Every structure is written in structure tokens, then in C-alpha cells.
Amino acid sequence: MSETSLVQELTKGLWEEIPPFRLVLGLCPTLAVTKAVDTGFGMGLALTFVLVCSNILVSLGRKVIPPKVRVPCFIIIIATFVVIVELVMQAYTYSLFLRLGIFIPLIVVNCIVLGRAEAFAYKQGLGRSIFDGLGMGIGFTLSLSVLGSIREIFGAGTWAGMELFGASFQPFTFMVEAPGAFVCLGLMLGVMNLAGKK
């Protein structure tokens, strides 16, 4: 396996197949946890860990997992790593864990993780599966971080909790409400499509 193919697997998730904007996958957590940059970044890191680890186990077990029960096996593997993430977050980043709420356990059924296990890791070797998971996870993390940054800056006048504009700033609170998430995501999808055409 060449270095070029590994680099391609890593970088495809950063632009060509970036999950929320190109594949339009994982939109539920994308919209729900991006009121602030730290929650978006935290969710992205959690999903990246689960994605990489599950890709590794699915790729290693692809020759012994029977095709008829592959999806239940994938879900068990993914759920194992989600529980690990959940326990680590409860122990070390409890306030972030509380703000992410139900979306951490819902990684188990996130279409990005299950889709990569089914469409990629079950058919590819270990190296490519690791780089695929890492690239998709980093792309998802960047997407959530950028969306969370935009919503937090305009909706609260802060970035990662730091005041940016002073007392005279009137925040556009629509941005941190649910409709603001849809509008912001739609605008970002439009920009990504325009940039992709050029």
C-alpha cells in the first residue's frame, strides 16, 4: 500500500467527502451541539475516537464476521467505544458531557460511523481503514467547530467563552436557536457547493 493512497484516504474526509457538507451525514448532532465551539469540538473528538477505533476492529475482523450478522456486530463494536468515550467524558470533562447530553450515546447509531464500518472498513485493510476513520473524524470535527464558532460569535458575541466585542455588542440570538442552526448550515452548504464548483 503506497503512502499516496493513505494520504488520499486521510484527506478525502477534509474536503472531498467532508461528512456534514459533502455526504450530508450526521446532521442531527451537527445542528444540535453547535451552539458553541467547545461543544462542537468535543462532539467531533468523541466521534473521531469511536470512528477510528471501530474501523480498526471491523477491518481486523472482516474475515471472521459473518455477512449475515455484520450490522449487529458493527453496532456492538461501536457501542463499546461509545461507552468508553462516555465514561472518560464523565470522569474528565463532566460539564462538557452534561452539555452534549444524549448525543454522546447516540453516536452508536450515527450514520457516519455505521456507514464507514459497512462501506469501507469491512472491505479494506487496516491501514486504509485507520486513515479513512481519522480523515472523516477530523473533517467532522472541523465542520462542527466552524459551525459552532460562527453561531457562538454572532449569537453570543463570544468564542470559546471569551468576550469578543464588548458591552455595546447586541448578539444575534437567532443564531444560537434551532432555526439559526438550519440557516447557518444551509449557508455553509451553499458556500461549500460554490467553492467545490470552482
N, C-alpha and C. Protein backbone atom coordinates (compact mmCIF):
# COMPACT_ATOMS: atom_id res chain seq x y z
N MET A 1 0.85 -1.18 0.00
CA MET A 1 0.00 0.00 0.00
C MET A 1 0.89 1.24 0.00
N SER A 2 0.65 2.14 -0.94
CA SER A 2 1.51 3.31 -1.09
C SER A 2 1.13 4.40 -0.10
N GLU A 3 2.11 5.29 0.15
CA GLU A 3 1.86 6.44 1.01
C GLU A 3 0.82 7.36 0.40
N THR A 4 0.82 7.44 -0.93
CA THR A 4 -0.13 8.32 -1.63
C THR A 4 -1.57 7.89 -1.35
N SER A 5 -1.84 6.57 -1.38
CA SER A 5 -3.21 6.12 -1.15
C SER A 5 -3.63 6.38 0.30
N LEU A 6 -2.69 6.27 1.26
CA LEU A 6 -3.01 6.55 2.65
C LEU A 6 -3.31 8.04 2.84
N VAL A 7 -2.53 8.89 2.18
CA VAL A 7 -2.76 10.34 2.27
C VAL A 7 -4.11 10.68 1.64
N GLN A 8 -4.46 10.02 0.54
CA GLN A 8 -5.76 10.26 -0.10
C GLN A 8 -6.90 9.84 0.82
N GLU A 9 -6.75 8.72 1.52
CA GLU A 9 -7.78 8.29 2.46
C GLU A 9 -7.95 9.30 3.60
N LEU A 10 -6.82 9.87 4.05
CA LEU A 10 -6.86 10.84 5.14
C LEU A 10 -7.50 12.15 4.68
N THR A 11 -7.11 12.64 3.52
CA THR A 11 -7.55 13.97 3.08
C THR A 11 -8.94 14.00 2.46
N LYS A 12 -9.47 12.86 2.02
CA LYS A 12 -10.80 12.89 1.39
C LYS A 12 -11.87 13.36 2.38
N GLY A 13 -11.69 13.06 3.66
CA GLY A 13 -12.65 13.49 4.67
C GLY A 13 -12.53 14.95 5.06
N LEU A 14 -11.47 15.60 4.60
CA LEU A 14 -11.26 17.01 4.93
C LEU A 14 -11.92 17.96 3.94
N TRP A 15 -12.20 17.48 2.73
CA TRP A 15 -12.88 18.35 1.76
C TRP A 15 -13.80 17.55 0.82
N GLU A 16 -13.23 16.61 0.09
CA GLU A 16 -13.97 15.89 -0.95
C GLU A 16 -15.20 15.16 -0.41
N GLU A 17 -15.07 14.54 0.77
CA GLU A 17 -16.18 13.79 1.37
C GLU A 17 -16.45 14.24 2.80
N ILE A 18 -16.28 15.52 3.09
CA ILE A 18 -16.48 16.02 4.46
C ILE A 18 -17.92 15.71 4.90
N PRO A 19 -18.09 14.98 5.99
CA PRO A 19 -19.40 14.39 6.30
C PRO A 19 -20.62 15.32 6.27
N PRO A 20 -20.67 16.42 7.03
CA PRO A 20 -21.93 17.18 7.03
C PRO A 20 -22.18 17.95 5.73
N PHE A 21 -21.12 18.33 5.01
CA PHE A 21 -21.29 19.23 3.87
C PHE A 21 -21.26 18.53 2.52
N ARG A 22 -20.52 17.47 2.37
CA ARG A 22 -20.47 16.75 1.09
C ARG A 22 -21.36 15.50 1.11
N LEU A 23 -21.24 14.71 2.18
CA LEU A 23 -22.03 13.49 2.27
C LEU A 23 -23.39 13.75 2.92
N VAL A 24 -23.55 14.90 3.53
CA VAL A 24 -24.75 15.31 4.26
C VAL A 24 -25.17 14.21 5.24
N LEU A 25 -24.19 13.80 6.04
CA LEU A 25 -24.41 12.79 7.08
C LEU A 25 -24.12 13.39 8.45
N GLY A 26 -24.75 12.86 9.47
CA GLY A 26 -24.51 13.31 10.83
C GLY A 26 -25.09 14.68 11.12
N LEU A 27 -26.20 15.02 10.46
CA LEU A 27 -26.76 16.35 10.62
C LEU A 27 -27.43 16.57 11.98
N CYS A 28 -27.95 15.54 12.60
CA CYS A 28 -28.63 15.71 13.89
C CYS A 28 -27.66 16.27 14.94
N PRO A 29 -26.51 15.63 15.19
CA PRO A 29 -25.58 16.24 16.15
C PRO A 29 -24.97 17.54 15.62
N THR A 30 -24.81 17.64 14.31
CA THR A 30 -24.26 18.87 13.73
C THR A 30 -25.12 20.06 14.10
N LEU A 31 -26.41 19.92 14.00
CA LEU A 31 -27.33 21.02 14.32
C LEU A 31 -27.50 21.20 15.82
N ALA A 32 -27.48 20.12 16.57
CA ALA A 32 -27.84 20.19 17.99
C ALA A 32 -26.72 20.66 18.90
N VAL A 33 -25.49 20.33 18.59
CA VAL A 33 -24.42 20.60 19.56
C VAL A 33 -23.51 21.76 19.17
N THR A 34 -23.90 22.53 18.17
CA THR A 34 -23.00 23.58 17.69
C THR A 34 -23.42 24.99 18.13
N LYS A 35 -24.03 25.11 19.30
CA LYS A 35 -24.32 26.44 19.84
C LYS A 35 -23.04 27.16 20.23
N ALA A 36 -22.00 26.38 20.50
CA ALA A 36 -20.71 26.94 20.91
C ALA A 36 -19.60 26.09 20.31
N VAL A 37 -18.43 26.68 20.16
CA VAL A 37 -17.32 25.97 19.54
C VAL A 37 -16.85 24.80 20.39
N ASP A 38 -16.87 24.93 21.72
CA ASP A 38 -16.34 23.84 22.55
C ASP A 38 -17.21 22.59 22.50
N THR A 39 -18.53 22.75 22.41
CA THR A 39 -19.38 21.56 22.31
C THR A 39 -19.23 20.90 20.94
N GLY A 40 -19.10 21.71 19.90
CA GLY A 40 -18.87 21.14 18.56
C GLY A 40 -17.56 20.39 18.49
N PHE A 41 -16.51 20.99 19.04
CA PHE A 41 -15.19 20.36 19.03
C PHE A 41 -15.19 19.08 19.87
N GLY A 42 -15.82 19.14 21.05
CA GLY A 42 -15.89 17.96 21.92
C GLY A 42 -16.64 16.80 21.26
N MET A 43 -17.76 17.11 20.62
CA MET A 43 -18.51 16.07 19.92
C MET A 43 -17.70 15.49 18.77
N GLY A 44 -16.99 16.36 18.06
CA GLY A 44 -16.16 15.89 16.95
C GLY A 44 -15.06 14.96 17.41
N LEU A 45 -14.40 15.30 18.52
CA LEU A 45 -13.35 14.43 19.04
C LEU A 45 -13.90 13.09 19.50
N ALA A 46 -15.06 13.13 20.16
CA ALA A 46 -15.68 11.87 20.62
C ALA A 46 -15.99 10.97 19.43
N LEU A 47 -16.59 11.55 18.38
CA LEU A 47 -16.94 10.75 17.21
C LEU A 47 -15.68 10.25 16.50
N THR A 48 -14.63 11.07 16.45
CA THR A 48 -13.38 10.64 15.80
C THR A 48 -12.79 9.43 16.50
N PHE A 49 -12.76 9.46 17.84
CA PHE A 49 -12.24 8.32 18.59
C PHE A 49 -13.04 7.05 18.28
N VAL A 50 -14.36 7.15 18.33
CA VAL A 50 -15.22 5.99 18.07
C VAL A 50 -15.03 5.51 16.63
N LEU A 51 -14.95 6.44 15.69
CA LEU A 51 -14.82 6.09 14.28
C LEU A 51 -13.51 5.36 14.00
N VAL A 52 -12.41 5.89 14.50
CA VAL A 52 -11.11 5.25 14.25
C VAL A 52 -11.04 3.88 14.91
N CYS A 53 -11.44 3.80 16.17
CA CYS A 53 -11.36 2.52 16.89
C CYS A 53 -12.29 1.46 16.30
N SER A 54 -13.50 1.86 15.91
CA SER A 54 -14.42 0.89 15.32
C SER A 54 -13.94 0.45 13.94
N ASN A 55 -13.38 1.38 13.16
CA ASN A 55 -12.81 1.00 11.86
C ASN A 55 -11.70 -0.03 12.03
N ILE A 56 -10.88 0.17 13.06
CA ILE A 56 -9.78 -0.78 13.30
C ILE A 56 -10.34 -2.18 13.58
N LEU A 57 -11.29 -2.29 14.51
CA LEU A 57 -11.82 -3.61 14.87
C LEU A 57 -12.60 -4.25 13.73
N VAL A 58 -13.38 -3.45 13.01
CA VAL A 58 -14.15 -4.00 11.88
C VAL A 58 -13.21 -4.50 10.80
N SER A 59 -12.15 -3.72 10.51
CA SER A 59 -11.19 -4.15 9.49
C SER A 59 -10.45 -5.42 9.91
N LEU A 60 -10.05 -5.48 11.18
CA LEU A 60 -9.35 -6.68 11.66
C LEU A 60 -10.25 -7.91 11.66
N GLY A 61 -11.55 -7.70 11.91
CA GLY A 61 -12.46 -8.83 11.99
C GLY A 61 -13.26 -9.11 10.74
N ARG A 62 -12.95 -8.43 9.65
CA ARG A 62 -13.79 -8.54 8.44
C ARG A 62 -13.83 -9.95 7.86
N LYS A 63 -12.80 -10.74 8.10
CA LYS A 63 -12.77 -12.09 7.54
C LYS A 63 -13.45 -13.10 8.45
N VAL A 64 -13.72 -12.71 9.71
CA VAL A 64 -14.36 -13.65 10.63
C VAL A 64 -15.80 -13.25 10.97
N ILE A 65 -16.19 -12.01 10.67
CA ILE A 65 -17.57 -11.58 10.93
C ILE A 65 -18.45 -12.10 9.79
N PRO A 66 -19.42 -12.95 10.08
CA PRO A 66 -20.29 -13.47 9.01
C PRO A 66 -21.12 -12.34 8.38
N PRO A 67 -21.27 -12.34 7.07
CA PRO A 67 -22.02 -11.28 6.40
C PRO A 67 -23.44 -11.09 6.92
N LYS A 68 -24.10 -12.18 7.32
CA LYS A 68 -25.50 -12.08 7.76
C LYS A 68 -25.66 -11.33 9.08
N VAL A 69 -24.63 -11.31 9.90
CA VAL A 69 -24.74 -10.64 11.20
C VAL A 69 -23.76 -9.48 11.32
N ARG A 70 -23.29 -8.97 10.19
CA ARG A 70 -22.26 -7.93 10.24
C ARG A 70 -22.78 -6.64 10.89
N VAL A 71 -24.01 -6.21 10.59
CA VAL A 71 -24.52 -4.95 11.15
C VAL A 71 -24.66 -5.03 12.67
N PRO A 72 -25.26 -6.11 13.23
CA PRO A 72 -25.28 -6.20 14.70
C PRO A 72 -23.88 -6.23 15.31
N CYS A 73 -22.94 -6.88 14.63
CA CYS A 73 -21.56 -6.90 15.12
C CYS A 73 -20.96 -5.50 15.10
N PHE A 74 -21.22 -4.75 14.02
CA PHE A 74 -20.73 -3.37 13.94
C PHE A 74 -21.29 -2.53 15.09
N ILE A 75 -22.57 -2.69 15.35
CA ILE A 75 -23.22 -1.90 16.40
C ILE A 75 -22.63 -2.23 17.78
N ILE A 76 -22.33 -3.50 18.03
CA ILE A 76 -21.72 -3.90 19.30
C ILE A 76 -20.32 -3.28 19.44
N ILE A 77 -19.56 -3.33 18.35
CA ILE A 77 -18.21 -2.75 18.36
C ILE A 77 -18.29 -1.24 18.62
N ILE A 78 -19.16 -0.56 17.88
CA ILE A 78 -19.31 0.89 18.01
C ILE A 78 -19.79 1.24 19.42
N ALA A 79 -20.76 0.50 19.93
CA ALA A 79 -21.30 0.77 21.27
C ALA A 79 -20.24 0.63 22.34
N THR A 80 -19.33 -0.31 22.17
CA THR A 80 -18.24 -0.49 23.14
C THR A 80 -17.41 0.77 23.26
N PHE A 81 -17.04 1.35 22.11
CA PHE A 81 -16.21 2.56 22.14
C PHE A 81 -17.00 3.78 22.57
N VAL A 82 -18.29 3.80 22.29
CA VAL A 82 -19.12 4.91 22.78
C VAL A 82 -19.18 4.90 24.31
N VAL A 83 -19.31 3.72 24.90
CA VAL A 83 -19.32 3.62 26.37
C VAL A 83 -17.98 4.11 26.94
N ILE A 84 -16.88 3.75 26.30
CA ILE A 84 -15.57 4.22 26.75
C ILE A 84 -15.52 5.75 26.71
N VAL A 85 -15.96 6.35 25.59
CA VAL A 85 -15.97 7.81 25.47
C VAL A 85 -16.84 8.43 26.55
N GLU A 86 -18.01 7.85 26.74
CA GLU A 86 -18.95 8.38 27.74
C GLU A 86 -18.34 8.37 29.14
N LEU A 87 -17.71 7.28 29.52
CA LEU A 87 -17.11 7.17 30.85
C LEU A 87 -15.92 8.12 31.01
N VAL A 88 -15.11 8.25 29.98
CA VAL A 88 -13.95 9.16 30.05
C VAL A 88 -14.44 10.60 30.16
N MET A 89 -15.47 10.96 29.39
CA MET A 89 -16.00 12.32 29.47
C MET A 89 -16.63 12.60 30.84
N GLN A 90 -17.32 11.63 31.39
CA GLN A 90 -17.90 11.81 32.73
C GLN A 90 -16.80 12.03 33.77
N ALA A 91 -15.67 11.34 33.58
CA ALA A 91 -14.58 11.44 34.56
C ALA A 91 -13.77 12.72 34.42
N TYR A 92 -13.53 13.17 33.19
CA TYR A 92 -12.58 14.26 32.99
C TYR A 92 -13.17 15.56 32.45
N THR A 93 -14.29 15.50 31.75
CA THR A 93 -14.90 16.73 31.20
C THR A 93 -16.41 16.68 31.49
N TYR A 94 -16.74 16.65 32.76
CA TYR A 94 -18.13 16.42 33.14
C TYR A 94 -19.07 17.53 32.64
N SER A 95 -18.65 18.79 32.70
CA SER A 95 -19.54 19.87 32.24
C SER A 95 -19.82 19.75 30.74
N LEU A 96 -18.79 19.38 29.97
CA LEU A 96 -19.00 19.17 28.53
C LEU A 96 -19.91 17.97 28.30
N PHE A 97 -19.71 16.92 29.07
CA PHE A 97 -20.57 15.74 28.97
C PHE A 97 -22.03 16.11 29.21
N LEU A 98 -22.29 16.95 30.22
CA LEU A 98 -23.67 17.37 30.50
C LEU A 98 -24.26 18.19 29.35
N ARG A 99 -23.45 19.05 28.74
CA ARG A 99 -23.96 19.88 27.64
C ARG A 99 -24.20 19.07 26.37
N LEU A 100 -23.42 18.03 26.14
CA LEU A 100 -23.64 17.19 24.96
C LEU A 100 -24.81 16.24 25.17
N GLY A 101 -25.08 15.87 26.39
CA GLY A 101 -26.26 15.10 26.74
C GLY A 101 -26.42 13.81 25.97
N ILE A 102 -27.60 13.63 25.43
CA ILE A 102 -27.97 12.37 24.76
C ILE A 102 -27.18 12.12 23.48
N PHE A 103 -26.53 13.15 22.95
CA PHE A 103 -25.84 12.98 21.67
C PHE A 103 -24.58 12.14 21.77
N ILE A 104 -24.02 11.97 22.95
CA ILE A 104 -22.89 11.05 23.11
C ILE A 104 -23.35 9.60 22.93
N PRO A 105 -24.36 9.12 23.68
CA PRO A 105 -24.81 7.74 23.45
C PRO A 105 -25.35 7.52 22.04
N LEU A 106 -25.87 8.57 21.42
CA LEU A 106 -26.42 8.41 20.07
C LEU A 106 -25.36 8.24 18.99
N ILE A 107 -24.07 8.36 19.35
CA ILE A 107 -23.01 8.06 18.38
C ILE A 107 -23.14 6.62 17.89
N VAL A 108 -23.69 5.76 18.74
CA VAL A 108 -23.86 4.34 18.38
C VAL A 108 -24.61 4.20 17.05
N VAL A 109 -25.61 5.03 16.84
CA VAL A 109 -26.40 4.91 15.61
C VAL A 109 -26.12 6.05 14.63
N ASN A 110 -25.01 6.75 14.83
CA ASN A 110 -24.64 7.82 13.90
C ASN A 110 -24.32 7.21 12.54
N CYS A 111 -24.94 7.76 11.51
CA CYS A 111 -24.80 7.17 10.18
C CYS A 111 -23.37 7.28 9.64
N ILE A 112 -22.58 8.23 10.13
CA ILE A 112 -21.19 8.32 9.67
C ILE A 112 -20.42 7.10 10.15
N VAL A 113 -20.51 6.78 11.42
CA VAL A 113 -19.73 5.67 11.99
C VAL A 113 -20.18 4.34 11.40
N LEU A 114 -21.48 4.09 11.40
CA LEU A 114 -22.00 2.83 10.87
C LEU A 114 -21.75 2.74 9.37
N GLY A 115 -21.89 3.86 8.68
CA GLY A 115 -21.65 3.87 7.23
C GLY A 115 -20.21 3.57 6.87
N ARG A 116 -19.26 4.11 7.62
CA ARG A 116 -17.85 3.85 7.34
C ARG A 116 -17.51 2.39 7.65
N ALA A 117 -18.11 1.83 8.70
CA ALA A 117 -17.87 0.42 9.01
C ALA A 117 -18.37 -0.46 7.88
N GLU A 118 -19.59 -0.19 7.41
CA GLU A 118 -20.21 -1.00 6.36
C GLU A 118 -19.57 -0.79 5.00
N ALA A 119 -19.42 0.47 4.61
CA ALA A 119 -18.98 0.78 3.25
C ALA A 119 -17.47 0.73 3.07
N PHE A 120 -16.72 0.88 4.15
CA PHE A 120 -15.27 0.97 3.97
C PHE A 120 -14.49 -0.06 4.77
N ALA A 121 -14.56 0.01 6.10
CA ALA A 121 -13.68 -0.83 6.93
C ALA A 121 -13.92 -2.32 6.73
N TYR A 122 -15.15 -2.72 6.44
CA TYR A 122 -15.47 -4.15 6.24
C TYR A 122 -14.87 -4.68 4.94
N LYS A 123 -14.44 -3.76 4.06
CA LYS A 123 -13.92 -4.17 2.75
C LYS A 123 -12.45 -3.84 2.55
N GLN A 124 -11.85 -3.12 3.49
CA GLN A 124 -10.48 -2.63 3.31
C GLN A 124 -9.56 -3.15 4.40
N GLY A 125 -8.26 -2.99 4.15
CA GLY A 125 -7.24 -3.38 5.11
C GLY A 125 -7.14 -2.39 6.27
N LEU A 126 -6.29 -2.74 7.23
CA LEU A 126 -6.18 -1.97 8.47
C LEU A 126 -5.68 -0.54 8.22
N GLY A 127 -4.62 -0.38 7.46
CA GLY A 127 -4.04 0.95 7.24
C GLY A 127 -5.02 1.92 6.62
N ARG A 128 -5.65 1.50 5.56
CA ARG A 128 -6.61 2.38 4.88
C ARG A 128 -7.80 2.68 5.79
N SER A 129 -8.23 1.71 6.58
CA SER A 129 -9.37 1.91 7.49
C SER A 129 -9.04 2.93 8.58
N ILE A 130 -7.82 2.87 9.10
CA ILE A 130 -7.41 3.84 10.13
C ILE A 130 -7.41 5.25 9.54
N PHE A 131 -6.79 5.40 8.38
CA PHE A 131 -6.70 6.72 7.76
C PHE A 131 -8.06 7.24 7.31
N ASP A 132 -8.93 6.34 6.86
CA ASP A 132 -10.29 6.75 6.49
C ASP A 132 -11.02 7.28 7.72
N GLY A 133 -10.97 6.54 8.82
CA GLY A 133 -11.63 6.97 10.05
C GLY A 133 -11.08 8.28 10.57
N LEU A 134 -9.76 8.41 10.53
CA LEU A 134 -9.12 9.63 11.00
C LEU A 134 -9.50 10.83 10.14
N GLY A 135 -9.48 10.66 8.82
CA GLY A 135 -9.84 11.76 7.92
C GLY A 135 -11.29 12.18 8.07
N MET A 136 -12.19 11.20 8.12
CA MET A 136 -13.62 11.53 8.28
C MET A 136 -13.87 12.18 9.64
N GLY A 137 -13.21 11.68 10.68
CA GLY A 137 -13.38 12.24 12.02
C GLY A 137 -12.87 13.66 12.12
N ILE A 138 -11.69 13.91 11.55
CA ILE A 138 -11.13 15.27 11.58
C ILE A 138 -12.02 16.21 10.77
N GLY A 139 -12.50 15.75 9.62
CA GLY A 139 -13.41 16.57 8.81
C GLY A 139 -14.68 16.91 9.56
N PHE A 140 -15.24 15.93 10.26
CA PHE A 140 -16.46 16.16 11.05
C PHE A 140 -16.17 17.14 12.20
N THR A 141 -15.03 16.97 12.86
CA THR A 141 -14.65 17.85 13.96
C THR A 141 -14.47 19.29 13.48
N LEU A 142 -13.80 19.45 12.36
CA LEU A 142 -13.61 20.79 11.79
C LEU A 142 -14.95 21.42 11.41
N SER A 143 -15.84 20.62 10.82
CA SER A 143 -17.15 21.12 10.43
C SER A 143 -17.93 21.63 11.63
N LEU A 144 -17.98 20.83 12.68
CA LEU A 144 -18.71 21.23 13.88
C LEU A 144 -18.06 22.43 14.56
N SER A 145 -16.73 22.47 14.55
CA SER A 145 -16.03 23.59 15.18
C SER A 145 -16.28 24.90 14.44
N VAL A 146 -16.25 24.86 13.11
CA VAL A 146 -16.51 26.08 12.33
C VAL A 146 -17.95 26.53 12.49
N LEU A 147 -18.89 25.59 12.39
CA LEU A 147 -20.29 25.93 12.56
C LEU A 147 -20.56 26.47 13.97
N GLY A 148 -19.97 25.81 14.98
CA GLY A 148 -20.12 26.27 16.36
C GLY A 148 -19.50 27.65 16.58
N SER A 149 -18.36 27.90 15.93
CA SER A 149 -17.71 29.21 16.04
C SER A 149 -18.59 30.31 15.48
N ILE A 150 -19.12 30.09 14.28
CA ILE A 150 -19.98 31.10 13.64
C ILE A 150 -21.21 31.38 14.50
N ARG A 151 -21.86 30.33 14.96
CA ARG A 151 -23.07 30.51 15.75
C ARG A 151 -22.77 31.19 17.09
N GLU A 152 -21.66 30.82 17.74
CA GLU A 152 -21.33 31.43 19.02
C GLU A 152 -20.91 32.89 18.86
N ILE A 153 -20.10 33.18 17.84
CA ILE A 153 -19.63 34.55 17.64
C ILE A 153 -20.80 35.50 17.38
N PHE A 154 -21.66 35.13 16.44
CA PHE A 154 -22.78 36.02 16.10
C PHE A 154 -23.93 35.94 17.09
N GLY A 155 -24.13 34.77 17.68
CA GLY A 155 -25.27 34.58 18.57
C GLY A 155 -25.04 34.97 20.00
N ALA A 156 -23.76 34.98 20.44
CA ALA A 156 -23.48 35.32 21.83
C ALA A 156 -22.37 36.37 21.98
N GLY A 157 -21.65 36.63 20.90
CA GLY A 157 -20.56 37.60 20.98
C GLY A 157 -19.32 37.06 21.68
N THR A 158 -19.23 35.74 21.77
CA THR A 158 -18.09 35.11 22.43
C THR A 158 -17.49 34.05 21.51
N TRP A 159 -16.29 33.60 21.84
CA TRP A 159 -15.70 32.45 21.17
C TRP A 159 -14.98 31.65 22.25
N ALA A 160 -15.38 30.42 22.42
CA ALA A 160 -14.87 29.54 23.48
C ALA A 160 -15.03 30.21 24.85
N GLY A 161 -16.13 30.94 25.01
CA GLY A 161 -16.43 31.59 26.28
C GLY A 161 -15.78 32.95 26.48
N MET A 162 -14.88 33.37 25.58
CA MET A 162 -14.20 34.66 25.71
C MET A 162 -15.01 35.75 25.01
N GLU A 163 -15.18 36.88 25.69
CA GLU A 163 -15.89 38.02 25.11
C GLU A 163 -15.08 38.58 23.94
N LEU A 164 -15.77 38.86 22.83
CA LEU A 164 -15.08 39.38 21.65
C LEU A 164 -15.37 40.84 21.35
N PHE A 165 -16.57 41.32 21.64
CA PHE A 165 -16.99 42.61 21.12
C PHE A 165 -17.25 43.69 22.17
N GLY A 166 -17.28 43.37 23.41
CA GLY A 166 -17.53 44.37 24.44
C GLY A 166 -19.01 44.51 24.77
N ALA A 167 -19.28 45.43 25.69
CA ALA A 167 -20.64 45.57 26.24
C ALA A 167 -21.65 46.12 25.25
N SER A 168 -21.20 46.88 24.24
CA SER A 168 -22.14 47.50 23.31
C SER A 168 -22.67 46.52 22.25
N PHE A 169 -22.08 45.34 22.17
CA PHE A 169 -22.49 44.38 21.13
C PHE A 169 -23.87 43.81 21.44
N GLN A 170 -24.73 43.82 20.44
CA GLN A 170 -26.06 43.22 20.54
C GLN A 170 -26.04 41.88 19.82
N PRO A 171 -26.01 40.77 20.55
CA PRO A 171 -25.91 39.47 19.88
C PRO A 171 -27.15 39.16 19.04
N PHE A 172 -26.90 38.45 17.95
CA PHE A 172 -27.97 38.00 17.06
C PHE A 172 -28.41 36.63 17.58
N THR A 173 -29.25 36.64 18.62
CA THR A 173 -29.59 35.42 19.36
C THR A 173 -30.27 34.35 18.51
N PHE A 174 -30.81 34.74 17.37
CA PHE A 174 -31.38 33.77 16.44
C PHE A 174 -30.37 32.68 16.09
N MET A 175 -29.08 33.04 16.06
CA MET A 175 -28.05 32.09 15.64
C MET A 175 -27.87 30.94 16.63
N VAL A 176 -28.17 31.15 17.90
CA VAL A 176 -28.00 30.06 18.86
C VAL A 176 -29.31 29.32 19.13
N GLU A 177 -30.34 29.65 18.38
CA GLU A 177 -31.61 28.92 18.46
C GLU A 177 -31.63 27.85 17.37
N ALA A 178 -32.57 26.91 17.46
CA ALA A 178 -32.65 25.82 16.49
C ALA A 178 -32.79 26.30 15.04
N PRO A 179 -33.66 27.29 14.74
CA PRO A 179 -33.73 27.75 13.35
C PRO A 179 -32.42 28.34 12.85
N GLY A 180 -31.67 28.98 13.75
CA GLY A 180 -30.37 29.54 13.37
C GLY A 180 -29.40 28.46 12.93
N ALA A 181 -29.50 27.29 13.55
CA ALA A 181 -28.63 26.18 13.15
C ALA A 181 -28.92 25.77 11.71
N PHE A 182 -30.20 25.69 11.35
CA PHE A 182 -30.56 25.32 9.99
C PHE A 182 -30.10 26.37 8.99
N VAL A 183 -30.31 27.63 9.32
CA VAL A 183 -29.93 28.71 8.40
C VAL A 183 -28.41 28.72 8.21
N CYS A 184 -27.68 28.64 9.30
CA CYS A 184 -26.22 28.66 9.23
C CYS A 184 -25.70 27.45 8.44
N LEU A 185 -26.24 26.28 8.70
CA LEU A 185 -25.83 25.08 7.97
C LEU A 185 -26.14 25.23 6.49
N GLY A 186 -27.33 25.74 6.17
CA GLY A 186 -27.70 25.93 4.76
C GLY A 186 -26.76 26.89 4.05
N LEU A 187 -26.41 27.99 4.71
CA LEU A 187 -25.47 28.95 4.11
C LEU A 187 -24.10 28.32 3.91
N MET A 188 -23.66 27.54 4.90
CA MET A 188 -22.36 26.87 4.76
C MET A 188 -22.38 25.82 3.66
N LEU A 189 -23.50 25.08 3.52
CA LEU A 189 -23.62 24.12 2.42
C LEU A 189 -23.54 24.84 1.07
N GLY A 190 -24.20 26.00 0.97
CA GLY A 190 -24.15 26.78 -0.26
C GLY A 190 -22.74 27.24 -0.59
N VAL A 191 -22.03 27.74 0.41
CA VAL A 191 -20.65 28.19 0.20
C VAL A 191 -19.76 27.02 -0.21
N MET A 192 -19.94 25.87 0.45
CA MET A 192 -19.14 24.69 0.11
C MET A 192 -19.41 24.23 -1.33
N ASN A 193 -20.67 24.27 -1.75
CA ASN A 193 -21.01 23.87 -3.11
C ASN A 193 -20.41 24.83 -4.13
N LEU A 194 -20.48 26.13 -3.83
CA LEU A 194 -19.87 27.12 -4.74
C LEU A 194 -18.37 26.92 -4.82
N ALA A 195 -17.73 26.72 -3.67
CA ALA A 195 -16.29 26.51 -3.64
C ALA A 195 -15.92 25.23 -4.36
N GLY A 196 -16.76 24.20 -4.23
CA GLY A 196 -16.48 22.92 -4.89
C GLY A 196 -16.56 23.02 -6.40
N LYS A 197 -17.46 23.86 -6.92
CA LYS A 197 -17.58 24.02 -8.36
C LYS A 197 -16.39 24.74 -8.96
N LYS A 198 -15.78 25.63 -8.16
CA LYS A 198 -14.62 26.35 -8.67
C LYS A 198 -13.36 25.51 -8.56
